[in-house]
């Protein structure tokens, strides 16, 4: 297993353990939440977008050129209408890398290792190559949606970063944005072990003011799509007095993977 793959496995184990923790008896209400959506399999994209539109909620959309349920990729021209509609609704965008590969420590300063989930195709990126990898999804988006608002932020796949990758990306003009302590909504987890009802209950109990929430437009491996409880989640958070906003250009300090 590659270093990046090992980190990803460890991350998921920690997240899974956290989702099994006891729920607090009471949670504070009100404040601002920052919903972020990573590209993913995008099978439930239209349904999720409709739920946001009905509630006039804007989100920050991290885009990558990933395989979709349609058999194409999410930054192909076939997705132009979808992205144009999201921009018209007031959503903003940021980079999630072009290939959606994983970052790991490189052979020295100014270089990082970059590999697919399974470790195939591993290569070393220098400063120019990393900047190009982070810029390419934004360039593809703007070719389809010239009016899109793009923030100077990026998110590494899996939230897995190194200090060198963060510093190099800053030299590209981009700050890394993870998510906050209670922001992982769990839509990547196995739905048998982590059913939607449990994810919904935990989020409604634990989310606090200032959280950066993370989810996807659909996850291929999840048998029971998280979109099935997305509307109750939004309605429950709104009922608690929360408002939603897009991320500010500088991001939210403290957001973590």
C-alpha atoms as a PDB file:
ATOM      1  CA  UNK A   1       0.000   0.000   0.000  1.00  0.00           C
ATOM      2  CA  UNK A   2       1.293   3.493  -0.799  1.00  0.00           C
ATOM      3  CA  UNK A   3       1.903   6.114   1.894  1.00  0.00           C
ATOM      4  CA  UNK A   4      -1.053   8.119   0.619  1.00  0.00           C
ATOM      5  CA  UNK A   5      -3.242   5.008   0.580  1.00  0.00           C
ATOM      6  CA  UNK A   6      -2.240   4.151   4.121  1.00  0.00           C
ATOM      7  CA  UNK A   7      -3.072   7.651   5.246  1.00  0.00           C
ATOM      8  CA  UNK A   8      -6.465   7.384   3.561  1.00  0.00           C
ATOM      9  CA  UNK A   9      -7.228   4.093   5.307  1.00  0.00           C
ATOM     10  CA  UNK A  10      -6.183   5.560   8.631  1.00  0.00           C
ATOM     11  CA  UNK A  11      -8.287   8.643   8.047  1.00  0.00           C
ATOM     12  CA  UNK A  12     -11.371   6.572   7.302  1.00  0.00           C
ATOM     13  CA  UNK A  13     -10.822   4.455  10.391  1.00  0.00           C
ATOM     14  CA  UNK A  14     -10.670   7.575  12.543  1.00  0.00           C
ATOM     15  CA  UNK A  15     -13.770   9.025  10.910  1.00  0.00           C
ATOM     16  CA  UNK A  16     -15.684   5.790  11.304  1.00  0.00           C
ATOM     17  CA  UNK A  17     -14.751   5.612  14.980  1.00  0.00           C
ATOM     18  CA  UNK A  18     -15.833   9.213  15.475  1.00  0.00           C
ATOM     19  CA  UNK A  19     -19.213   8.544  13.879  1.00  0.00           C
ATOM     20  CA  UNK A  20     -19.809   5.822  16.413  1.00  0.00           C
ATOM     21  CA  UNK A  21     -19.234   8.125  19.378  1.00  0.00           C
ATOM     22  CA  UNK A  22     -21.990   8.868  21.852  1.00  0.00           C
ATOM     23  CA  UNK A  23     -24.209  11.805  20.997  1.00  0.00           C
ATOM     24  CA  UNK A  24     -24.375  14.799  23.338  1.00  0.00           C
ATOM     25  CA  UNK A  25     -27.625  15.371  25.181  1.00  0.00           C
ATOM     26  CA  UNK A  26     -28.026  18.878  23.791  1.00  0.00           C
ATOM     27  CA  UNK A  27     -26.357  20.977  21.127  1.00  0.00           C
ATOM     28  CA  UNK A  28     -26.173  24.747  20.823  1.00  0.00           C
ATOM     29  CA  UNK A  29     -28.247  26.394  18.071  1.00  0.00           C
ATOM     30  CA  UNK A  30     -27.720  29.168  15.565  1.00  0.00           C
ATOM     31  CA  UNK A  31     -24.769  30.561  13.650  1.00  0.00           C
ATOM     32  CA  UNK A  32     -23.244  30.184  10.187  1.00  0.00           C
ATOM     33  CA  UNK A  33     -22.394  26.954   8.392  1.00  0.00           C
ATOM     34  CA  UNK A  34     -20.286  26.504   5.276  1.00  0.00           C
ATOM     35  CA  UNK A  35     -21.476  23.607   3.139  1.00  0.00           C
ATOM     36  CA  UNK A  36     -18.852  22.311   0.720  1.00  0.00           C
ATOM     37  CA  UNK A  37     -19.511  19.678  -1.939  1.00  0.00           C
ATOM     38  CA  UNK A  38     -16.783  17.636  -3.632  1.00  0.00           C
ATOM     39  CA  UNK A  39     -17.415  16.190  -7.074  1.00  0.00           C
ATOM     40  CA  UNK A  40     -17.634  12.446  -6.491  1.00  0.00           C
ATOM     41  CA  UNK A  41     -19.679   9.980  -8.576  1.00  0.00           C
ATOM     42  CA  UNK A  42     -22.394  12.650  -8.976  1.00  0.00           C
ATOM     43  CA  UNK A  43     -25.270  10.181  -9.291  1.00  0.00           C
ATOM     44  CA  UNK A  44     -27.480  12.253  -6.977  1.00  0.00           C
ATOM     45  CA  UNK A  45     -26.230  15.620  -8.225  1.00  0.00           C
ATOM     46  CA  UNK A  46     -29.506  16.905  -9.676  1.00  0.00           C
ATOM     47  CA  UNK A  47     -31.530  15.831  -6.625  1.00  0.00           C
ATOM     48  CA  UNK A  48     -29.071  17.457  -4.208  1.00  0.00           C
ATOM     49  CA  UNK A  49     -28.988  20.637  -6.288  1.00  0.00           C
ATOM     50  CA  UNK A  50     -32.797  20.794  -6.236  1.00  0.00           C
ATOM     51  CA  UNK A  51     -32.862  20.513  -2.437  1.00  0.00           C
ATOM     52  CA  UNK A  52     -30.416  23.381  -2.146  1.00  0.00           C
ATOM     53  CA  UNK A  53     -32.301  25.485  -4.659  1.00  0.00           C
ATOM     54  CA  UNK A  54     -35.627  24.974  -2.863  1.00  0.00           C
ATOM     55  CA  UNK A  55     -34.091  26.288   0.361  1.00  0.00           C
ATOM     56  CA  UNK A  56     -32.004  29.015  -1.302  1.00  0.00           C
ATOM     57  CA  UNK A  57     -28.831  27.571   0.164  1.00  0.00           C
ATOM     58  CA  UNK A  58     -25.529  28.318  -1.528  1.00  0.00           C
ATOM     59  CA  UNK A  59     -22.510  26.055  -1.222  1.00  0.00           C
ATOM     60  CA  UNK A  60     -18.833  26.025  -2.194  1.00  0.00           C
ATOM     61  CA  UNK A  61     -18.226  23.406  -4.885  1.00  0.00           C
ATOM     62  CA  UNK A  62     -14.781  21.782  -5.150  1.00  0.00           C
ATOM     63  CA  UNK A  63     -14.426  20.474  -8.692  1.00  0.00           C
ATOM     64  CA  UNK A  64     -12.286  17.663 -10.108  1.00  0.00           C
ATOM     65  CA  UNK A  65     -12.368  15.735 -13.390  1.00  0.00           C
ATOM     66  CA  UNK A  66     -13.773  12.523 -11.894  1.00  0.00           C
ATOM     67  CA  UNK A  67     -15.597   9.604 -13.477  1.00  0.00           C
ATOM     68  CA  UNK A  68     -19.372   9.981 -13.155  1.00  0.00           C
ATOM     69  CA  UNK A  69     -22.310   7.620 -13.182  1.00  0.00           C
ATOM     70  CA  UNK A  70     -23.069   8.716 -16.749  1.00  0.00           C
ATOM     71  CA  UNK A  71     -19.891   7.108 -18.081  1.00  0.00           C
ATOM     72  CA  UNK A  72     -18.247  10.468 -18.713  1.00  0.00           C
ATOM     73  CA  UNK A  73     -16.237  12.769 -16.443  1.00  0.00           C
ATOM     74  CA  UNK A  74     -17.558  15.622 -14.363  1.00  0.00           C
ATOM     75  CA  UNK A  75     -15.706  18.406 -16.176  1.00  0.00           C
ATOM     76  CA  UNK A  76     -16.557  17.140 -19.655  1.00  0.00           C
ATOM     77  CA  UNK A  77     -18.662  19.427 -21.813  1.00  0.00           C
ATOM     78  CA  UNK A  78     -21.604  17.093 -21.128  1.00  0.00           C
ATOM     79  CA  UNK A  79     -21.744  18.589 -17.604  1.00  0.00           C
ATOM     80  CA  UNK A  80     -21.736  22.218 -18.771  1.00  0.00           C
ATOM     81  CA  UNK A  81     -25.465  22.754 -18.207  1.00  0.00           C
ATOM     82  CA  UNK A  82     -25.197  21.412 -14.666  1.00  0.00           C
ATOM     83  CA  UNK A  83     -22.326  23.709 -13.732  1.00  0.00           C
ATOM     84  CA  UNK A  84     -23.912  26.722 -15.438  1.00  0.00           C
ATOM     85  CA  UNK A  85     -27.071  26.184 -13.405  1.00  0.00           C
ATOM     86  CA  UNK A  86     -25.104  25.992 -10.162  1.00  0.00           C
ATOM     87  CA  UNK A  87     -23.258  29.224 -10.936  1.00  0.00           C
ATOM     88  CA  UNK A  88     -26.569  30.952 -11.742  1.00  0.00           C
ATOM     89  CA  UNK A  89     -27.886  29.839  -8.344  1.00  0.00           C
ATOM     90  CA  UNK A  90     -25.008  31.599  -6.598  1.00  0.00           C
ATOM     91  CA  UNK A  91     -22.772  28.658  -5.743  1.00  0.00           C
ATOM     92  CA  UNK A  92     -19.032  29.327  -5.857  1.00  0.00           C
ATOM     93  CA  UNK A  93     -16.209  27.036  -6.948  1.00  0.00           C
ATOM     94  CA  UNK A  94     -12.696  25.944  -6.015  1.00  0.00           C
ATOM     95  CA  UNK A  95     -10.145  23.345  -7.136  1.00  0.00           C
ATOM     96  CA  UNK A  96     -10.252  19.712  -6.012  1.00  0.00           C
ATOM     97  CA  UNK A  97      -7.290  18.835  -8.320  1.00  0.00           C
ATOM     98  CA  UNK A  98      -7.684  17.679 -11.914  1.00  0.00           C
ATOM     99  CA  UNK A  99      -7.043  13.925 -11.601  1.00  0.00           C
ATOM    100  CA  UNK A 100      -8.321  13.502  -8.032  1.00  0.00           C
ATOM    101  CA  UNK A 101      -5.108  11.734  -7.055  1.00  0.00           C
ATOM    102  CA  UNK A 102      -3.550  11.626  -3.612  1.00  0.00           C
ATOM    103  CA  UNK A 103      -0.720  13.670  -2.135  1.00  0.00           C
ATOM    104  CA  UNK A 104       2.167  12.188  -0.143  1.00  0.00           C
ATOM    105  CA  UNK A 105       5.635  13.272   0.935  1.00  0.00           C
ATOM    106  CA  UNK A 106       8.057  13.738  -1.945  1.00  0.00           C
ATOM    107  CA  UNK A 107      11.791  13.185  -2.312  1.00  0.00           C
ATOM    108  CA  UNK A 108      12.733  16.641  -1.110  1.00  0.00           C
ATOM    109  CA  UNK A 109      11.763  20.316  -0.733  1.00  0.00           C
ATOM    110  CA  UNK A 110       9.574  21.711  -3.493  1.00  0.00           C
ATOM    111  CA  UNK A 111       8.441  18.255  -4.629  1.00  0.00           C
ATOM    112  CA  UNK A 112       5.537  15.996  -3.635  1.00  0.00           C
ATOM    113  CA  UNK A 113       4.458  12.503  -4.573  1.00  0.00           C
ATOM    114  CA  UNK A 114       1.145  12.267  -6.428  1.00  0.00           C
ATOM    115  CA  UNK A 115      -0.624   8.959  -7.117  1.00  0.00           C
ATOM    116  CA  UNK A 116      -4.004   7.433  -7.907  1.00  0.00           C
ATOM    117  CA  UNK A 117      -6.026   5.814  -5.120  1.00  0.00           C
ATOM    118  CA  UNK A 118      -4.474   2.441  -5.818  1.00  0.00           C
ATOM    119  CA  UNK A 119      -0.985   3.878  -6.217  1.00  0.00           C
ATOM    120  CA  UNK A 120      -0.829   3.408  -9.992  1.00  0.00           C
ATOM    121  CA  UNK A 121       0.774   6.106 -12.085  1.00  0.00           C
ATOM    122  CA  UNK A 122       2.670   7.638  -9.184  1.00  0.00           C
ATOM    123  CA  UNK A 123       4.764  10.638 -10.114  1.00  0.00           C
ATOM    124  CA  UNK A 124       6.614  13.496  -8.494  1.00  0.00           C
ATOM    125  CA  UNK A 125       5.232  17.007  -8.918  1.00  0.00           C
ATOM    126  CA  UNK A 126       7.459  20.055  -8.704  1.00  0.00           C
ATOM    127  CA  UNK A 127       6.137  23.564  -8.139  1.00  0.00           C
ATOM    128  CA  UNK A 128       5.059  24.200 -11.720  1.00  0.00           C
ATOM    129  CA  UNK A 129       3.431  20.785 -12.074  1.00  0.00           C
ATOM    130  CA  UNK A 130       1.407  21.184  -8.873  1.00  0.00           C
ATOM    131  CA  UNK A 131       0.209  24.640  -9.913  1.00  0.00           C
ATOM    132  CA  UNK A 132      -0.883  23.204 -13.272  1.00  0.00           C
ATOM    133  CA  UNK A 133      -2.708  20.292 -11.600  1.00  0.00           C
ATOM    134  CA  UNK A 134      -4.615  22.678  -9.334  1.00  0.00           C
ATOM    135  CA  UNK A 135      -5.384  25.197 -12.074  1.00  0.00           C
ATOM    136  CA  UNK A 136      -6.645  22.764 -14.701  1.00  0.00           C
ATOM    137  CA  UNK A 137     -10.101  21.992 -13.197  1.00  0.00           C
ATOM    138  CA  UNK A 138     -10.765  25.703 -12.760  1.00  0.00           C
ATOM    139  CA  UNK A 139      -9.721  26.380 -16.340  1.00  0.00           C
ATOM    140  CA  UNK A 140     -12.083  23.653 -17.587  1.00  0.00           C
ATOM    141  CA  UNK A 141     -14.922  25.033 -15.488  1.00  0.00           C
ATOM    142  CA  UNK A 142     -14.392  28.601 -16.706  1.00  0.00           C
ATOM    143  CA  UNK A 143     -14.358  27.418 -20.316  1.00  0.00           C
ATOM    144  CA  UNK A 144     -17.908  26.162 -19.754  1.00  0.00           C
ATOM    145  CA  UNK A 145     -19.051  28.821 -17.268  1.00  0.00           C
ATOM    146  CA  UNK A 146     -17.135  32.074 -17.822  1.00  0.00           C
ATOM    147  CA  UNK A 147     -19.174  33.829 -15.133  1.00  0.00           C
ATOM    148  CA  UNK A 148     -18.363  31.282 -12.419  1.00  0.00           C
ATOM    149  CA  UNK A 149     -17.023  32.718  -9.167  1.00  0.00           C
ATOM    150  CA  UNK A 150     -13.849  30.804  -8.307  1.00  0.00           C
ATOM    151  CA  UNK A 151     -12.190  31.131  -4.908  1.00  0.00           C
ATOM    152  CA  UNK A 152      -8.394  30.932  -4.397  1.00  0.00           C
ATOM    153  CA  UNK A 153      -8.805  27.693  -2.450  1.00  0.00           C
ATOM    154  CA  UNK A 154      -8.140  23.995  -3.042  1.00  0.00           C
ATOM    155  CA  UNK A 155      -8.953  20.746  -1.304  1.00  0.00           C
ATOM    156  CA  UNK A 156      -6.785  17.667  -1.578  1.00  0.00           C
ATOM    157  CA  UNK A 157      -8.653  14.415  -2.302  1.00  0.00           C
ATOM    158  CA  UNK A 158      -9.393  12.689   0.973  1.00  0.00           C
ATOM    159  CA  UNK A 159      -8.253  15.855   2.711  1.00  0.00           C
ATOM    160  CA  UNK A 160      -4.782  14.264   2.770  1.00  0.00           C
ATOM    161  CA  UNK A 161      -2.017  16.861   2.609  1.00  0.00           C
ATOM    162  CA  UNK A 162       1.570  17.372   3.646  1.00  0.00           C
ATOM    163  CA  UNK A 163       3.117  20.571   4.935  1.00  0.00           C
ATOM    164  CA  UNK A 164       5.144  20.789   1.723  1.00  0.00           C
ATOM    165  CA  UNK A 165       2.030  20.430  -0.463  1.00  0.00           C
ATOM    166  CA  UNK A 166       0.240  23.163   1.466  1.00  0.00           C
ATOM    167  CA  UNK A 167       3.242  25.493   1.168  1.00  0.00           C
ATOM    168  CA  UNK A 168       3.694  24.769  -2.531  1.00  0.00           C
ATOM    169  CA  UNK A 169      -0.004  25.381  -3.235  1.00  0.00           C
ATOM    170  CA  UNK A 170       0.235  28.698  -1.401  1.00  0.00           C
ATOM    171  CA  UNK A 171       2.929  29.677  -3.866  1.00  0.00           C
ATOM    172  CA  UNK A 172       0.350  28.890  -6.576  1.00  0.00           C
ATOM    173  CA  UNK A 173      -1.932  31.404  -4.832  1.00  0.00           C
ATOM    174  CA  UNK A 174      -4.218  28.792  -3.250  1.00  0.00           C
ATOM    175  CA  UNK A 175      -4.954  28.051   0.402  1.00  0.00           C
ATOM    176  CA  UNK A 176      -5.952  24.540   1.436  1.00  0.00           C
ATOM    177  CA  UNK A 177      -9.475  24.174   2.865  1.00  0.00           C
ATOM    178  CA  UNK A 178     -10.370  21.070   4.825  1.00  0.00           C
ATOM    179  CA  UNK A 179     -13.385  20.635   7.066  1.00  0.00           C
ATOM    180  CA  UNK A 180     -13.995  21.186  10.748  1.00  0.00           C
ATOM    181  CA  UNK A 181     -14.322  18.813  13.697  1.00  0.00           C
ATOM    182  CA  UNK A 182     -17.989  17.952  13.151  1.00  0.00           C
ATOM    183  CA  UNK A 183     -18.079  18.764   9.455  1.00  0.00           C
ATOM    184  CA  UNK A 184     -17.596  15.290   7.962  1.00  0.00           C
ATOM    185  CA  UNK A 185     -21.146  14.206   7.077  1.00  0.00           C
ATOM    186  CA  UNK A 186     -20.194  10.577   6.450  1.00  0.00           C
ATOM    187  CA  UNK A 187     -21.483  10.082   2.918  1.00  0.00           C
ATOM    188  CA  UNK A 188     -18.290   8.174   1.982  1.00  0.00           C
ATOM    189  CA  UNK A 189     -18.806   5.536   4.660  1.00  0.00           C
ATOM    190  CA  UNK A 190     -20.367   2.111   4.209  1.00  0.00           C
ATOM    191  CA  UNK A 191     -24.136   2.528   4.546  1.00  0.00           C
ATOM    192  CA  UNK A 192     -24.601  -0.849   6.233  1.00  0.00           C
ATOM    193  CA  UNK A 193     -22.281   0.125   9.080  1.00  0.00           C
ATOM    194  CA  UNK A 194     -23.308   3.796   9.027  1.00  0.00           C
ATOM    195  CA  UNK A 195     -26.943   4.066   7.900  1.00  0.00           C
ATOM    196  CA  UNK A 196     -28.403   7.370   6.856  1.00  0.00           C
ATOM    197  CA  UNK A 197     -30.492   7.683  10.007  1.00  0.00           C
ATOM    198  CA  UNK A 198     -27.360   7.496  12.173  1.00  0.00           C
ATOM    199  CA  UNK A 199     -25.495  10.051  10.039  1.00  0.00           C
ATOM    200  CA  UNK A 200     -28.465  12.401  10.178  1.00  0.00           C
ATOM    201  CA  UNK A 201     -28.837  12.053  13.938  1.00  0.00           C
ATOM    202  CA  UNK A 202     -25.174  12.708  14.560  1.00  0.00           C
ATOM    203  CA  UNK A 203     -24.986  15.778  12.317  1.00  0.00           C
ATOM    204  CA  UNK A 204     -28.073  17.362  13.847  1.00  0.00           C
ATOM    205  CA  UNK A 205     -26.711  16.763  17.333  1.00  0.00           C
ATOM    206  CA  UNK A 206     -23.083  17.774  16.831  1.00  0.00           C
ATOM    207  CA  UNK A 207     -22.834  20.534  14.220  1.00  0.00           C
ATOM    208  CA  UNK A 208     -21.844  23.893  15.718  1.00  0.00           C
ATOM    209  CA  UNK A 209     -21.505  27.480  14.554  1.00  0.00           C
ATOM    210  CA  UNK A 210     -18.718  27.964  12.019  1.00  0.00           C
ATOM    211  CA  UNK A 211     -18.492  24.353  10.843  1.00  0.00           C
ATOM    212  CA  UNK A 212     -17.182  23.623   7.357  1.00  0.00           C
ATOM    213  CA  UNK A 213     -19.317  20.684   6.209  1.00  0.00           C
ATOM    214  CA  UNK A 214     -18.161  18.268   3.508  1.00  0.00           C
ATOM    215  CA  UNK A 215     -20.146  15.903   1.288  1.00  0.00           C
ATOM    216  CA  UNK A 216     -20.293  14.818  -2.372  1.00  0.00           C
ATOM    217  CA  UNK A 217     -22.709  14.935  -5.283  1.00  0.00           C
ATOM    218  CA  UNK A 218     -22.951  11.177  -4.835  1.00  0.00           C
ATOM    219  CA  UNK A 219     -20.612   8.364  -3.794  1.00  0.00           C
ATOM    220  CA  UNK A 220     -20.429   5.248  -5.953  1.00  0.00           C
ATOM    221  CA  UNK A 221     -19.630   2.835  -3.116  1.00  0.00           C
ATOM    222  CA  UNK A 222     -22.492   3.894  -0.848  1.00  0.00           C
ATOM    223  CA  UNK A 223     -25.443   1.536  -1.339  1.00  0.00           C
ATOM    224  CA  UNK A 224     -27.983   3.819   0.394  1.00  0.00           C
ATOM    225  CA  UNK A 225     -27.303   7.308  -1.025  1.00  0.00           C
ATOM    226  CA  UNK A 226     -26.857  10.081   1.529  1.00  0.00           C
ATOM    227  CA  UNK A 227     -29.171  12.237  -0.591  1.00  0.00           C
ATOM    228  CA  UNK A 228     -32.007  10.293   1.044  1.00  0.00           C
ATOM    229  CA  UNK A 229     -31.531  12.269   4.278  1.00  0.00           C
ATOM    230  CA  UNK A 230     -30.090  15.462   2.846  1.00  0.00           C
ATOM    231  CA  UNK A 231     -33.393  17.369   2.928  1.00  0.00           C
ATOM    232  CA  UNK A 232     -34.115  16.442   6.591  1.00  0.00           C
ATOM    233  CA  UNK A 233     -30.551  17.440   7.434  1.00  0.00           C
ATOM    234  CA  UNK A 234     -30.912  20.869   5.855  1.00  0.00           C
ATOM    235  CA  UNK A 235     -34.346  21.410   7.387  1.00  0.00           C
ATOM    236  CA  UNK A 236     -33.137  20.323  10.806  1.00  0.00           C
ATOM    237  CA  UNK A 237     -30.156  22.664  10.722  1.00  0.00           C
ATOM    238  CA  UNK A 238     -32.300  25.550   9.493  1.00  0.00           C
ATOM    239  CA  UNK A 239     -34.788  24.842  12.283  1.00  0.00           C
ATOM    240  CA  UNK A 240     -31.932  25.144  14.776  1.00  0.00           C
ATOM    241  CA  UNK A 241     -31.368  28.686  13.561  1.00  0.00           C
ATOM    242  CA  UNK A 242     -28.348  28.104  11.335  1.00  0.00           C
ATOM    243  CA  UNK A 243     -27.779  30.025   8.124  1.00  0.00           C
ATOM    244  CA  UNK A 244     -25.613  28.814   5.255  1.00  0.00           C
ATOM    245  CA  UNK A 245     -22.993  30.820   3.419  1.00  0.00           C
ATOM    246  CA  UNK A 246     -20.264  30.200   0.866  1.00  0.00           C
ATOM    247  CA  UNK A 247     -16.662  30.175   2.031  1.00  0.00           C
ATOM    248  CA  UNK A 248     -14.847  33.506   2.113  1.00  0.00           C
ATOM    249  CA  UNK A 249     -11.945  33.879  -0.353  1.00  0.00           C
ATOM    250  CA  UNK A 250      -9.358  33.277   2.382  1.00  0.00           C
ATOM    251  CA  UNK A 251     -11.152  30.150   3.593  1.00  0.00           C
ATOM    252  CA  UNK A 252     -11.995  29.264   7.180  1.00  0.00           C
ATOM    253  CA  UNK A 253      -9.031  28.934   9.548  1.00  0.00           C
ATOM    254  CA  UNK A 254      -9.016  25.686  11.463  1.00  0.00           C
ATOM    255  CA  UNK A 255     -10.641  23.658   8.710  1.00  0.00           C
ATOM    256  CA  UNK A 256      -8.896  20.281   8.811  1.00  0.00           C
ATOM    257  CA  UNK A 257      -8.865  16.966   7.003  1.00  0.00           C
END
